[in-house]
Amino acid sequence: MPFGAMKAVAGPIAVPALAILLVEDDPLDAELTQLELERFGHRVSVARSGEEALALYASFRPDLVVTDISLPGMCGCELTRQLKSREHPHWLPVLFMSGTQSESSLVEAYQAGADDFIHKPISRPVLQAKLGVFQQRLHLQREAQARERLLQRYRDQVEEEKSVALHLMHRLVNAELLGDLAVSHWMRPAETYSGDLIAAARTPGGILHVLLADATGHGLAASLAVMPVTQPFYRMTEKGFGIDAIAREMNRKVAELLPVGRFVAATLAAVDSASGSIQVWNGGNPPPFLVNSQGLLSSITFAKAHLPLGILADEDFDASTEVHFIEEPKQLVIYSDGVVEAENGSGTPFGRERLLNALLSQEREERLAGVVGALDAHLAGRGAQDDLSLMLVHCYHQTARSPRIGGGTPRVLRHSGSWQVTMSLSADDIRNLDPVPTLMGVLSQFNRDKDHGSHIFLILSELYNNALDHGVLGLDSGLKAQSQGFERYLEERGRRLAALRDGTVDLEVTQQHRGGRTELVMRVRDSGPGFDHAAFMASLESECSGKVPHGRGIRLVHSLCSALHYCAPGNEVIAYYDMTDFGYAGDRQ
């Protein structure tokens, strides 16, 4: 019967026939045993000595060795020892044959590695039964090896898919932007994939946006669920949208893409060092808090809590934020619930108190490591049940700001020509739109220099916000000088904006060429009554004007522009920005 044929032996399980290496020095016994083995359906190769058997082994690759214990030259025991010392793809059983009943011979054979023993003269039923046992054991081993190979292929496939998935997630998260010096972060997934996400990016005006998101559950499903928030965060931050608009868009994305029952807790923060403001939108995460430079918990709190992303429809979603202003440096602490809920072996959660103790007992540079060390000590080698994420954001109020980014020798440019872009906003538009990022998107089609893009964004933002706040809404900047003035100012701004039914703002941006130079002219006009612009412009030259909590934005605009003019009665302002020196206009040669 050919190798691989199936024989029913020792039970109903069909198992493959064996390749048997028969080692017998007696020609008659060898012939009779070979015939008997072949009648059972096995394939047999015969060797007359131990040396010949070793030579045959490499080419024949037997499943079973049947050998006489007494052989000329190398005995059966030595042959067995040498065979057992070699590498085999599977278990290689050895069946000894012997005409002796000596107990010492049996002991020596088993010590050499024999798996079974049969006495001569050989009983046909006993031989068949022993071979059947070997067949079944070899068959089971090969099945196990086949399953192991299949499992290994699955493991290799999973590892490859895991590597691709982790690479994709790394790219989507844009980890390079987390290198911002103002941000320190730490993450530890409960499994290979993390359902938590940390991101950071800056607007064209230099405002730092940070995000900590935590999807339902953990593992791959949670990791995929948190991905929809990345695109709105990076894309809208790059265009200069506020975190309220970003939160609303992220909510739309999560609700649109995730199945029912899946949602994403998220904390968004905007840190503006120019104004010293910290703006927070928090939905479903523990409330963030501030630690001052002396290692004390700040009295400033962010108590406003929203539902996680993906639960509410757009018309029910609350994108309102909480804003506080600081004068002294502080660290904003944002963390996922997995940090405070991490349980030790006794079921005791880490808790907010331990988190505070770990933070407040360390110097600023060591606070992140202090929390990680405290968590590790609390868990004592036990894995956390949920993903862990922590972010520390350095916040400060920058009292002076460089009016220029870059410098050096003027560059020769190929100008994109003269053009003009206008936007006219009604009261409905003003209530629902942020026109500056939209306008910047149009301008970027003409001009691509990011350095000057940040200046233009800042100028347009300040001019538009002044037109809206003071021209259309009629807000008094003096309110900011009072106790809790900034907070009260923003509350009143939100109230008046929600109630706005009349009012317009027109924006116009023109690129023109004069005397070999390229200039951007930005004009903003509002429907308000105007103000004493002559006195205001004179105050910009005063040293003391920078010491009051208002007017600093226009002062910065004035320093960035080659000229700044108000038109009577003060409800129209024109800013001239020279782009030639630093290469904003047009495509370079």
Protein backbone atom coordinates (compact mmCIF):
# COMPACT_ATOMS: atom_id res chain seq x y z
CA MET A 1 0.00 0.00 0.00
CA PRO A 2 1.47 3.40 -0.92
CA PHE A 3 2.63 5.86 1.77
CA GLY A 4 -0.25 7.96 3.06
CA ALA A 5 -2.90 5.27 2.51
CA MET A 6 -5.47 5.04 5.27
CA LYS A 7 -5.93 1.88 7.38
CA ALA A 8 -8.54 1.30 10.06
CA VAL A 9 -6.60 0.03 13.07
CA ALA A 10 -7.18 -0.21 16.80
CA GLY A 11 -10.52 1.56 16.62
CA PRO A 12 -12.78 3.41 14.24
CA ILE A 13 -10.43 6.36 13.59
CA ALA A 14 -8.80 6.18 10.15
CA VAL A 15 -5.13 7.05 10.49
CA PRO A 16 -2.26 7.15 7.98
CA ALA A 17 -0.08 4.09 7.43
CA LEU A 18 3.43 4.26 8.88
CA ALA A 19 6.87 4.50 7.32
CA ILE A 20 8.80 1.92 9.37
CA LEU A 21 12.59 1.49 9.56
CA LEU A 22 13.18 -2.20 10.44
CA VAL A 23 16.64 -2.98 11.87
CA GLU A 24 17.29 -6.73 11.96
CA ASP A 25 20.55 -8.59 11.32
CA ASP A 26 18.93 -12.02 10.84
CA PRO A 27 17.88 -12.27 7.15
CA LEU A 28 14.99 -14.68 7.77
CA ASP A 29 13.57 -12.70 10.72
CA ALA A 30 13.97 -9.50 8.72
CA GLU A 31 12.07 -10.92 5.75
CA LEU A 32 9.24 -12.38 7.85
CA THR A 33 8.82 -9.20 9.91
CA GLN A 34 8.88 -7.02 6.79
CA LEU A 35 6.16 -9.13 5.16
CA GLU A 36 4.03 -8.94 8.30
CA LEU A 37 4.40 -5.16 8.53
CA GLU A 38 3.56 -4.69 4.88
CA ARG A 39 0.45 -6.86 5.29
CA PHE A 40 -0.70 -4.32 7.86
CA GLY A 41 -0.40 -1.68 5.14
CA HIS A 42 2.82 0.00 6.20
CA ARG A 43 5.83 1.01 4.13
CA VAL A 44 9.03 -0.70 5.29
CA SER A 45 12.76 -0.14 4.75
CA VAL A 46 15.21 -2.72 6.15
CA ALA A 47 18.70 -2.14 7.64
CA ARG A 48 21.03 -4.96 8.73
CA SER A 49 22.95 -2.95 11.34
CA GLY A 50 22.83 0.13 13.45
CA GLU A 51 25.28 1.95 11.19
CA GLU A 52 23.19 1.16 8.11
CA ALA A 53 20.07 2.29 9.94
CA LEU A 54 21.62 5.70 10.68
CA ALA A 55 22.59 6.07 7.03
CA LEU A 56 19.07 5.13 5.86
CA TYR A 57 17.37 7.43 8.36
CA ALA A 58 18.28 10.66 6.56
CA SER A 59 16.72 9.58 3.26
CA PHE A 60 13.84 7.43 4.52
CA ARG A 61 12.59 9.66 7.39
CA PRO A 62 10.66 6.93 9.24
CA ASP A 63 7.63 7.39 11.48
CA LEU A 64 8.66 4.39 13.60
CA VAL A 65 11.87 2.42 14.20
CA VAL A 66 11.54 -1.33 14.93
CA THR A 67 14.92 -2.69 15.99
CA ASP A 68 16.44 -5.80 17.48
CA ILE A 69 18.20 -5.12 20.74
CA SER A 70 21.17 -7.29 19.73
CA LEU A 71 22.92 -6.15 16.56
CA PRO A 72 26.46 -6.62 15.20
CA GLY A 73 28.61 -3.55 15.88
CA MET A 74 26.30 -0.79 17.13
CA CYS A 75 23.64 -2.34 19.36
CA GLY A 76 19.98 -1.38 19.40
CA CYS A 77 20.39 0.68 22.57
CA GLU A 78 23.21 2.81 21.10
CA LEU A 79 21.25 3.21 17.85
CA THR A 80 18.27 4.45 19.86
CA ARG A 81 20.38 6.94 21.82
CA GLN A 82 21.82 8.40 18.60
CA LEU A 83 18.42 8.60 16.91
CA LYS A 84 16.81 10.26 19.92
CA SER A 85 19.60 12.86 20.07
CA ARG A 86 18.78 14.12 16.57
CA GLU A 87 16.28 16.79 15.61
CA HIS A 88 12.98 15.34 14.39
CA PRO A 89 9.94 17.10 12.96
CA HIS A 90 7.76 14.91 15.19
CA TRP A 91 7.92 12.25 17.87
CA LEU A 92 10.03 9.25 16.71
CA PRO A 93 8.98 6.11 18.62
CA VAL A 94 11.29 3.08 18.88
CA LEU A 95 9.93 -0.46 19.30
CA PHE A 96 12.47 -3.01 20.53
CA MET A 97 12.41 -6.70 19.54
CA SER A 98 14.31 -9.29 21.56
CA GLY A 99 14.35 -13.00 22.19
CA THR A 100 15.62 -12.50 25.73
CA GLN A 101 13.44 -12.12 28.81
CA SER A 102 16.27 -10.46 30.80
CA GLU A 103 15.01 -7.74 33.11
CA SER A 104 18.31 -5.87 32.82
CA SER A 105 17.97 -5.82 29.02
CA LEU A 106 14.51 -4.28 29.33
CA VAL A 107 15.77 -1.64 31.76
CA GLU A 108 18.72 -0.78 29.49
CA ALA A 109 16.41 -0.50 26.47
CA TYR A 110 14.00 1.87 28.22
CA GLN A 111 16.88 3.96 29.59
CA ALA A 112 18.22 4.29 26.04
CA GLY A 113 14.88 5.73 24.93
CA ALA A 114 12.75 2.75 23.91
CA ASP A 115 9.02 3.48 23.74
CA ASP A 116 7.82 -0.13 23.79
CA PHE A 117 9.07 -3.72 23.75
CA ILE A 118 7.92 -6.91 21.98
CA HIS A 119 9.31 -10.41 22.51
CA LYS A 120 10.33 -12.90 19.87
CA PRO A 121 8.77 -14.92 18.45
CA ILE A 122 6.53 -12.00 17.53
CA SER A 123 2.80 -12.40 18.01
CA ARG A 124 0.92 -10.97 15.03
CA PRO A 125 -2.05 -9.61 17.06
CA VAL A 126 0.24 -8.06 19.67
CA LEU A 127 2.39 -6.43 16.97
CA GLN A 128 -0.67 -5.07 15.20
CA ALA A 129 -2.07 -3.68 18.45
CA LYS A 130 1.20 -1.95 19.37
CA LEU A 131 1.50 -0.47 15.87
CA GLY A 132 -2.08 0.79 16.14
CA VAL A 133 -1.23 2.65 19.34
CA PHE A 134 1.78 4.25 17.67
CA GLN A 135 -0.36 5.18 14.65
CA GLN A 136 -2.98 6.91 16.75
CA ARG A 137 -0.44 8.77 18.86
CA LEU A 138 1.46 9.93 15.76
CA HIS A 139 -1.79 10.91 14.09
CA LEU A 140 -2.90 12.96 17.09
CA GLN A 141 0.51 14.62 17.28
CA ARG A 142 0.41 15.55 13.60
CA GLU A 143 -3.07 16.96 13.99
CA ALA A 144 -1.83 19.04 16.93
CA GLN A 145 1.15 20.22 14.89
CA ALA A 146 -1.13 21.14 12.00
CA ARG A 147 -3.35 23.13 14.38
CA GLU A 148 -0.27 24.82 15.83
CA ARG A 149 0.92 25.78 12.33
CA LEU A 150 -2.53 27.15 11.55
CA LEU A 151 -2.58 29.08 14.80
CA GLN A 152 0.89 30.44 14.06
CA ARG A 153 -0.30 31.63 10.66
CA TYR A 154 -3.23 33.33 12.39
CA ARG A 155 -0.86 34.86 14.94
CA ASP A 156 1.44 36.11 12.18
CA GLN A 157 -1.54 37.54 10.31
CA VAL A 158 -2.85 39.23 13.45
CA GLU A 159 0.60 40.69 14.18
CA GLU A 160 0.84 42.03 10.64
CA GLU A 161 -2.65 43.51 10.83
CA LYS A 162 -1.85 44.91 14.28
CA SER A 163 1.30 46.54 12.93
CA VAL A 164 -0.62 48.12 10.04
CA ALA A 165 -3.43 49.25 12.36
CA LEU A 166 -1.03 50.79 14.88
CA HIS A 167 0.85 52.57 12.08
CA LEU A 168 -2.41 53.92 10.68
CA MET A 169 -3.57 55.07 14.11
CA HIS A 170 -0.21 56.71 14.73
CA ARG A 171 -0.54 58.61 11.46
CA LEU A 172 -4.16 59.60 12.12
CA VAL A 173 -3.28 60.88 15.58
CA ASN A 174 -0.41 62.91 14.05
CA ALA A 175 1.87 62.14 16.97
CA GLU A 176 4.51 64.57 15.69
CA LEU A 177 2.34 67.49 16.79
CA LEU A 178 2.38 66.14 20.34
CA GLY A 179 5.98 67.31 20.46
CA ASP A 180 4.69 70.80 21.32
CA LEU A 181 6.77 71.98 24.27
CA ALA A 182 3.66 73.12 26.12
CA VAL A 183 2.22 69.59 26.22
CA SER A 184 3.27 66.58 28.30
CA HIS A 185 1.27 63.39 27.95
CA TRP A 186 1.17 59.72 28.94
CA MET A 187 -0.99 56.84 27.75
CA ARG A 188 -1.22 53.16 28.67
CA PRO A 189 -3.75 50.93 26.86
CA ALA A 190 -5.55 48.15 28.70
CA GLU A 191 -4.93 46.00 25.61
CA THR A 192 -2.81 46.35 22.49
CA TYR A 193 -5.04 49.07 21.06
CA SER A 194 -6.04 52.14 23.02
CA GLY A 195 -9.53 53.57 23.00
CA ASP A 196 -8.08 56.80 24.40
CA LEU A 197 -6.63 59.47 22.15
CA ILE A 198 -4.53 62.54 22.86
CA ALA A 199 -3.95 65.23 20.23
CA ALA A 200 -2.53 68.74 20.05
CA ALA A 201 -2.29 71.35 17.30
CA ARG A 202 -2.07 75.12 16.92
CA THR A 203 -4.34 77.48 15.04
CA PRO A 204 -2.94 79.94 12.50
CA GLY A 205 -3.03 82.50 15.30
CA GLY A 206 -0.85 80.36 17.56
CA ILE A 207 -3.60 79.24 19.96
CA LEU A 208 -2.87 75.77 21.30
CA HIS A 209 -5.72 73.27 20.94
CA VAL A 210 -5.56 70.00 22.87
CA LEU A 211 -7.89 67.00 22.90
CA LEU A 212 -8.26 63.99 25.16
CA ALA A 213 -10.90 61.55 23.89
CA ASP A 214 -12.04 58.28 25.47
CA ALA A 215 -14.24 55.91 23.46
CA THR A 216 -16.62 53.43 25.06
CA GLY A 217 -14.83 50.27 26.22
CA HIS A 218 -11.28 49.42 25.25
CA GLY A 219 -9.37 47.37 22.69
CA LEU A 220 -9.65 47.49 18.90
CA ALA A 221 -13.36 48.42 18.82
CA ALA A 222 -12.76 51.41 21.08
CA SER A 223 -9.65 52.40 19.14
CA LEU A 224 -11.62 52.46 15.89
CA ALA A 225 -14.48 54.32 17.57
CA VAL A 226 -12.25 57.20 18.65
CA MET A 227 -10.79 57.75 15.17
CA PRO A 228 -13.66 59.93 13.77
CA VAL A 229 -12.69 62.81 16.08
CA THR A 230 -9.19 63.21 14.65
CA GLN A 231 -10.05 64.72 11.28
CA PRO A 232 -12.32 67.51 12.57
CA PHE A 233 -9.83 68.36 15.31
CA TYR A 234 -6.79 68.75 13.05
CA ARG A 235 -8.57 70.14 9.99
CA MET A 236 -10.60 72.75 11.85
CA THR A 237 -7.74 73.75 14.14
CA GLU A 238 -5.54 74.32 11.12
CA LYS A 239 -8.22 76.60 9.67
CA GLY A 240 -8.59 78.50 12.93
CA PHE A 241 -12.03 77.39 14.14
CA GLY A 242 -12.78 77.61 17.84
CA ILE A 243 -13.14 74.53 20.03
CA ASP A 244 -16.91 75.06 20.28
CA ALA A 245 -17.26 74.62 16.52
CA ILE A 246 -14.82 71.69 16.61
CA ALA A 247 -16.82 69.97 19.37
CA ARG A 248 -20.01 70.34 17.37
CA GLU A 249 -18.44 68.88 14.23
CA MET A 250 -16.91 66.00 16.18
CA ASN A 251 -20.33 65.23 17.65
CA ARG A 252 -21.79 65.08 14.14
CA LYS A 253 -19.04 62.72 12.99
CA VAL A 254 -19.34 60.37 15.96
CA ALA A 255 -23.15 60.24 15.70
CA GLU A 256 -22.94 59.63 11.96
CA LEU A 257 -20.29 56.89 11.98
CA LEU A 258 -20.66 54.93 15.23
CA PRO A 259 -23.40 52.38 15.99
CA VAL A 260 -26.05 53.04 18.63
CA GLY A 261 -24.62 52.63 22.11
CA ARG A 262 -21.13 53.76 21.13
CA PHE A 263 -20.01 57.24 22.13
CA VAL A 264 -16.83 59.19 22.85
CA ALA A 265 -16.08 61.19 25.98
CA ALA A 266 -13.89 64.17 25.12
CA THR A 267 -12.18 67.19 26.62
CA LEU A 268 -11.17 70.04 24.33
CA ALA A 269 -9.10 72.98 25.52
CA ALA A 270 -7.82 76.13 23.82
CA VAL A 271 -4.86 77.85 25.48
CA ASP A 272 -4.10 81.36 24.25
CA SER A 273 -0.89 82.72 25.75
CA ALA A 274 -1.49 86.13 24.16
CA SER A 275 -4.62 86.77 26.21
CA GLY A 276 -3.88 84.36 29.05
CA SER A 277 -7.16 82.56 28.40
CA ILE A 278 -7.97 78.88 28.91
CA GLN A 279 -11.15 77.73 27.20
CA VAL A 280 -12.56 74.25 27.89
CA TRP A 281 -15.34 72.07 26.49
CA ASN A 282 -15.78 68.86 28.48
CA GLY A 283 -18.16 66.07 27.58
CA GLY A 284 -18.10 62.90 29.67
CA ASN A 285 -14.53 63.08 31.02
CA PRO A 286 -13.59 63.97 34.60
CA PRO A 287 -13.41 67.77 35.00
CA PRO A 288 -9.94 69.17 34.28
CA PHE A 289 -8.22 71.35 36.85
CA LEU A 290 -5.29 73.74 37.20
CA VAL A 291 -2.12 73.45 39.28
CA ASN A 292 -0.04 76.57 39.88
CA SER A 293 3.74 76.89 39.75
CA GLN A 294 4.00 76.46 43.56
CA GLY A 295 2.39 73.03 43.34
CA LEU A 296 -0.98 74.13 44.73
CA LEU A 297 -4.42 73.38 43.35
CA SER A 298 -5.81 76.50 41.68
CA SER A 299 -9.14 77.92 42.79
CA ILE A 300 -10.14 78.13 39.12
CA THR A 301 -12.48 75.25 38.28
CA PHE A 302 -13.99 73.92 35.06
CA ALA A 303 -17.32 72.66 36.34
CA LYS A 304 -19.43 72.81 33.18
CA ALA A 305 -20.16 69.24 32.05
CA HIS A 306 -21.72 68.07 28.80
CA LEU A 307 -22.78 64.67 27.53
CA PRO A 308 -20.20 62.66 25.54
CA LEU A 309 -19.95 63.02 21.78
CA GLY A 310 -22.40 61.03 19.67
CA ILE A 311 -25.36 60.96 22.07
CA LEU A 312 -27.25 64.15 21.16
CA ALA A 313 -28.51 65.25 17.77
CA ASP A 314 -26.93 68.39 16.36
CA GLU A 315 -29.89 70.60 17.25
CA ASP A 316 -29.72 69.45 20.89
CA PHE A 317 -25.94 69.57 21.22
CA ASP A 318 -24.51 72.17 23.61
CA ALA A 319 -21.17 73.51 22.36
CA SER A 320 -20.84 76.21 25.00
CA THR A 321 -17.44 76.44 26.65
CA GLU A 322 -16.00 77.65 29.93
CA VAL A 323 -13.30 80.33 29.83
CA HIS A 324 -10.91 81.49 32.53
CA PHE A 325 -8.00 83.93 32.40
CA ILE A 326 -4.68 83.59 34.18
CA GLU A 327 -1.82 85.94 34.94
CA GLU A 328 0.63 83.47 36.48
CA PRO A 329 1.82 80.22 34.84
CA LYS A 330 -0.27 77.13 35.54
CA GLN A 331 -0.63 73.56 34.34
CA LEU A 332 -3.93 72.33 32.99
CA VAL A 333 -4.50 68.69 33.99
CA ILE A 334 -6.74 66.59 31.70
CA TYR A 335 -7.24 62.87 32.26
CA SER A 336 -9.51 59.96 31.35
CA ASP A 337 -11.72 58.21 33.90
CA GLY A 338 -9.51 55.12 33.63
CA VAL A 339 -6.86 56.91 35.71
CA VAL A 340 -9.01 57.50 38.79
CA GLU A 341 -10.92 54.21 38.37
CA ALA A 342 -7.81 52.00 38.13
CA GLU A 343 -8.23 49.35 40.85
CA ASN A 344 -5.56 47.50 42.77
CA GLY A 345 -5.81 43.86 43.82
CA SER A 346 -8.12 44.79 46.70
CA GLY A 347 -10.55 46.56 44.39
CA THR A 348 -9.58 50.04 45.65
CA PRO A 349 -9.65 52.69 42.90
CA PHE A 350 -6.72 55.07 42.44
CA GLY A 351 -9.06 58.00 42.94
CA ARG A 352 -8.78 61.75 42.47
CA GLU A 353 -7.13 62.28 45.87
CA ARG A 354 -4.16 60.07 44.98
CA LEU A 355 -3.94 61.81 41.61
CA LEU A 356 -3.78 65.21 43.31
CA ASN A 357 -1.23 64.04 45.86
CA ALA A 358 1.00 62.64 43.10
CA LEU A 359 0.79 65.90 41.14
CA LEU A 360 1.13 68.37 43.98
CA SER A 361 4.09 66.62 45.60
CA GLN A 362 6.31 67.06 42.54
CA GLU A 363 8.04 69.91 40.74
CA ARG A 364 6.40 70.90 37.46
CA GLU A 365 8.80 68.93 35.27
CA GLU A 366 8.34 65.77 37.38
CA ARG A 367 4.56 65.78 37.81
CA LEU A 368 3.79 63.44 34.93
CA ALA A 369 6.37 60.89 36.07
CA GLY A 370 5.07 61.26 39.63
CA VAL A 371 1.56 60.25 38.60
CA VAL A 372 2.82 57.30 36.56
CA GLY A 373 4.91 56.11 39.51
CA ALA A 374 1.99 56.46 41.91
CA LEU A 375 -0.28 54.52 39.54
CA ASP A 376 2.27 51.73 39.16
CA ALA A 377 2.68 51.51 42.93
CA HIS A 378 -1.10 51.39 43.37
CA LEU A 379 -1.61 48.68 40.75
CA ALA A 380 1.44 46.71 41.98
CA GLY A 381 1.92 44.91 38.68
CA ARG A 382 -1.77 44.38 38.07
CA GLY A 383 -3.07 45.49 34.68
CA ALA A 384 -5.58 48.34 34.58
CA GLN A 385 -9.13 47.49 33.55
CA ASP A 386 -9.40 50.50 31.24
CA ASP A 387 -7.14 52.63 29.08
CA LEU A 388 -5.20 55.27 31.01
CA SER A 389 -4.49 58.76 29.65
CA LEU A 390 -3.12 61.92 31.24
CA MET A 391 -2.15 65.26 29.71
CA LEU A 392 -0.48 68.27 31.33
CA VAL A 393 -0.64 71.55 29.40
CA HIS A 394 1.62 74.45 30.34
CA CYS A 395 -0.44 77.66 30.37
CA TYR A 396 0.90 81.16 30.74
CA HIS A 397 0.13 84.77 29.84
CA GLN A 398 2.66 86.12 27.38
CA THR A 399 2.82 89.86 28.00
CA ALA A 400 4.97 90.61 24.96
CA ARG A 401 4.78 89.06 21.55
CA SER A 402 7.10 89.27 18.61
CA PRO A 403 5.44 91.15 15.78
CA ARG A 404 7.20 89.08 13.14
CA ILE A 405 7.74 85.40 12.48
CA GLY A 406 10.92 84.74 10.60
CA GLY A 407 13.19 87.37 9.15
CA GLY A 408 16.27 87.71 7.05
CA THR A 409 16.76 88.87 3.49
CA PRO A 410 13.67 89.68 1.39
CA ARG A 411 12.84 86.94 -1.08
CA VAL A 412 12.14 87.41 -4.78
CA LEU A 413 8.59 86.26 -5.53
CA ARG A 414 6.40 85.53 -8.49
CA HIS A 415 3.25 87.38 -7.51
CA SER A 416 -0.11 85.74 -7.98
CA GLY A 417 -1.60 89.00 -9.21
CA SER A 418 -4.20 91.34 -7.78
CA TRP A 419 -7.45 89.98 -6.39
CA GLN A 420 -10.23 90.76 -3.93
CA VAL A 421 -12.39 88.61 -1.65
CA THR A 422 -15.47 89.96 0.16
CA MET A 423 -17.91 88.57 2.72
CA SER A 424 -21.12 90.22 3.92
CA LEU A 425 -22.64 88.78 7.08
CA SER A 426 -26.22 89.24 8.26
CA ALA A 427 -27.37 88.80 11.86
CA ASP A 428 -28.17 85.12 11.20
CA ASP A 429 -24.71 84.62 9.71
CA ILE A 430 -23.05 86.35 12.64
CA ARG A 431 -24.88 84.14 15.15
CA ASN A 432 -24.04 80.87 13.40
CA LEU A 433 -20.77 81.32 11.51
CA ASP A 434 -17.13 81.94 12.28
CA PRO A 435 -16.14 83.81 9.11
CA VAL A 436 -12.38 84.12 9.66
CA PRO A 437 -11.46 80.42 9.15
CA THR A 438 -13.72 80.34 6.08
CA LEU A 439 -12.09 83.46 4.70
CA MET A 440 -8.62 82.07 5.44
CA GLY A 441 -9.52 78.94 3.47
CA VAL A 442 -10.25 81.10 0.43
CA LEU A 443 -7.10 83.18 0.89
CA SER A 444 -4.98 80.04 1.13
CA GLN A 445 -5.87 79.28 -2.48
CA PHE A 446 -3.95 82.42 -3.46
CA ASN A 447 -1.22 82.46 -0.83
CA ARG A 448 0.41 79.53 0.96
CA ASP A 449 3.04 80.89 3.31
CA LYS A 450 2.06 79.62 6.77
CA ASP A 451 4.19 82.15 8.63
CA HIS A 452 2.30 85.08 7.19
CA GLY A 453 -0.91 83.09 7.26
CA SER A 454 -0.73 83.13 11.06
CA HIS A 455 -0.31 86.92 11.07
CA ILE A 456 -3.18 87.45 8.65
CA PHE A 457 -5.39 85.13 10.68
CA LEU A 458 -4.59 87.09 13.84
CA ILE A 459 -5.25 90.45 12.19
CA LEU A 460 -8.58 89.38 10.68
CA SER A 461 -9.66 87.73 13.94
CA GLU A 462 -8.95 90.83 16.01
CA LEU A 463 -10.60 93.20 13.53
CA TYR A 464 -13.68 91.01 13.16
CA ASN A 465 -14.08 90.38 16.89
CA ASN A 466 -13.76 94.09 17.63
CA ALA A 467 -16.37 94.89 14.98
CA LEU A 468 -18.71 92.25 16.38
CA ASP A 469 -18.19 92.90 20.08
CA HIS A 470 -18.14 96.69 20.14
CA GLY A 471 -19.83 97.67 16.87
CA VAL A 472 -22.68 95.15 16.53
CA LEU A 473 -23.15 93.90 20.11
CA GLY A 474 -22.25 97.18 21.81
CA LEU A 475 -20.09 95.62 24.52
CA ASP A 476 -18.02 97.87 26.78
CA SER A 477 -14.35 96.86 27.14
CA GLY A 478 -14.30 98.53 30.54
CA LEU A 479 -16.19 95.51 31.85
CA LYS A 480 -12.97 93.51 31.58
CA ALA A 481 -11.26 95.70 34.16
CA GLN A 482 -13.73 94.68 36.89
CA SER A 483 -13.40 91.68 39.21
CA GLN A 484 -14.00 88.51 37.17
CA GLY A 485 -14.31 90.95 34.27
CA PHE A 486 -13.29 88.64 31.44
CA GLU A 487 -15.74 85.96 32.53
CA ARG A 488 -18.59 88.47 32.84
CA TYR A 489 -17.65 89.99 29.49
CA LEU A 490 -17.86 86.62 27.75
CA GLU A 491 -21.16 85.74 29.43
CA GLU A 492 -22.68 89.02 28.29
CA ARG A 493 -21.24 88.51 24.81
CA GLY A 494 -22.89 85.10 24.55
CA ARG A 495 -26.23 86.47 25.77
CA ARG A 496 -26.25 89.38 23.29
CA LEU A 497 -25.08 87.19 20.43
CA ALA A 498 -27.89 84.68 21.02
CA ALA A 499 -30.43 87.52 21.02
CA LEU A 500 -28.99 89.29 17.93
CA ARG A 501 -31.61 89.97 15.23
CA ASP A 502 -30.17 93.00 13.42
CA GLY A 503 -26.66 93.96 12.41
CA THR A 504 -24.12 93.36 9.69
CA VAL A 505 -20.38 92.94 9.29
CA ASP A 506 -18.59 93.23 5.94
CA LEU A 507 -15.09 91.88 5.38
CA GLU A 508 -12.95 92.66 2.36
CA VAL A 509 -9.43 91.43 1.60
CA THR A 510 -7.53 92.82 -1.39
CA GLN A 511 -4.07 91.97 -2.69
CA GLN A 512 -2.40 94.81 -4.56
CA HIS A 513 1.06 95.70 -5.83
CA ARG A 514 2.61 99.09 -5.22
CA GLY A 515 6.14 100.20 -5.94
CA GLY A 516 7.42 96.65 -6.46
CA ARG A 517 5.95 95.44 -3.18
CA THR A 518 2.96 93.24 -2.44
CA GLU A 519 0.40 94.44 0.08
CA LEU A 520 -2.66 92.85 1.63
CA VAL A 521 -5.41 95.33 2.48
CA MET A 522 -7.94 94.08 5.04
CA ARG A 523 -11.11 96.15 5.50
CA VAL A 524 -13.77 95.39 8.14
CA ARG A 525 -16.99 97.44 8.40
CA ASP A 526 -19.81 96.95 10.93
CA SER A 527 -23.31 98.39 11.31
CA GLY A 528 -22.54 99.96 14.68
CA PRO A 529 -22.48 103.68 15.46
CA GLY A 530 -18.68 103.93 15.59
CA PHE A 531 -16.52 105.45 18.34
CA ASP A 532 -13.84 108.07 19.00
CA HIS A 533 -11.25 106.40 16.82
CA ALA A 534 -8.83 109.34 16.90
CA ALA A 535 -8.46 109.14 20.68
CA PHE A 536 -8.18 105.37 20.49
CA MET A 537 -5.39 105.49 17.90
CA ALA A 538 -3.55 108.03 20.02
CA SER A 539 -3.82 105.69 23.02
CA LEU A 540 -2.07 102.95 21.04
CA GLU A 541 1.08 105.01 21.24
CA SER A 542 0.79 105.31 25.02
CA GLU A 543 3.07 103.11 27.13
CA CYS A 544 0.35 102.54 29.70
CA SER A 545 -2.22 101.19 27.24
CA GLY A 546 -0.69 97.73 27.37
CA LYS A 547 -1.29 97.57 31.14
CA VAL A 548 -5.10 97.51 30.93
CA PRO A 549 -6.99 94.29 30.18
CA HIS A 550 -8.37 95.51 26.87
CA GLY A 551 -7.01 97.00 23.66
CA ARG A 552 -4.05 94.62 23.59
CA GLY A 553 -5.34 92.81 20.50
CA ILE A 554 -5.53 95.95 18.37
CA ARG A 555 -2.16 97.05 19.74
CA LEU A 556 -0.71 93.77 18.44
CA VAL A 557 -2.45 94.27 15.07
CA HIS A 558 -0.97 97.75 14.91
CA SER A 559 2.53 96.31 15.43
CA LEU A 560 2.05 93.71 12.71
CA CYS A 561 0.71 96.06 10.04
CA SER A 562 2.51 98.65 7.98
CA ALA A 563 -0.49 100.92 8.55
CA LEU A 564 -3.81 100.84 10.43
CA HIS A 565 -6.56 103.42 9.74
CA TYR A 566 -10.08 103.95 11.08
CA CYS A 567 -12.65 105.69 8.91
CA ALA A 568 -15.26 108.04 10.35
CA PRO A 569 -17.40 107.53 12.32
CA GLY A 570 -15.21 104.63 13.54
CA ASN A 571 -17.19 101.62 12.30
CA GLU A 572 -14.70 100.82 9.52
CA VAL A 573 -11.04 99.87 9.87
CA ILE A 574 -8.41 99.26 7.19
CA ALA A 575 -5.23 97.30 7.89
CA TYR A 576 -2.29 97.26 5.46
CA TYR A 577 0.01 94.26 5.69
CA ASP A 578 3.28 94.13 3.73
CA MET A 579 3.93 90.57 2.49
CA THR A 580 6.90 91.14 0.23
CA ASP A 581 9.66 90.98 2.84
CA PHE A 582 8.71 87.57 4.13
CA GLY A 583 7.28 85.89 1.10
CA TYR A 584 3.57 85.44 1.68
CA ALA A 585 2.33 86.61 -1.68
CA GLY A 586 1.99 84.14 -4.50
CA ASP A 587 4.05 81.13 -5.45
CA ARG A 588 7.80 81.25 -5.16
CA GLN A 589 9.95 80.95 -8.22
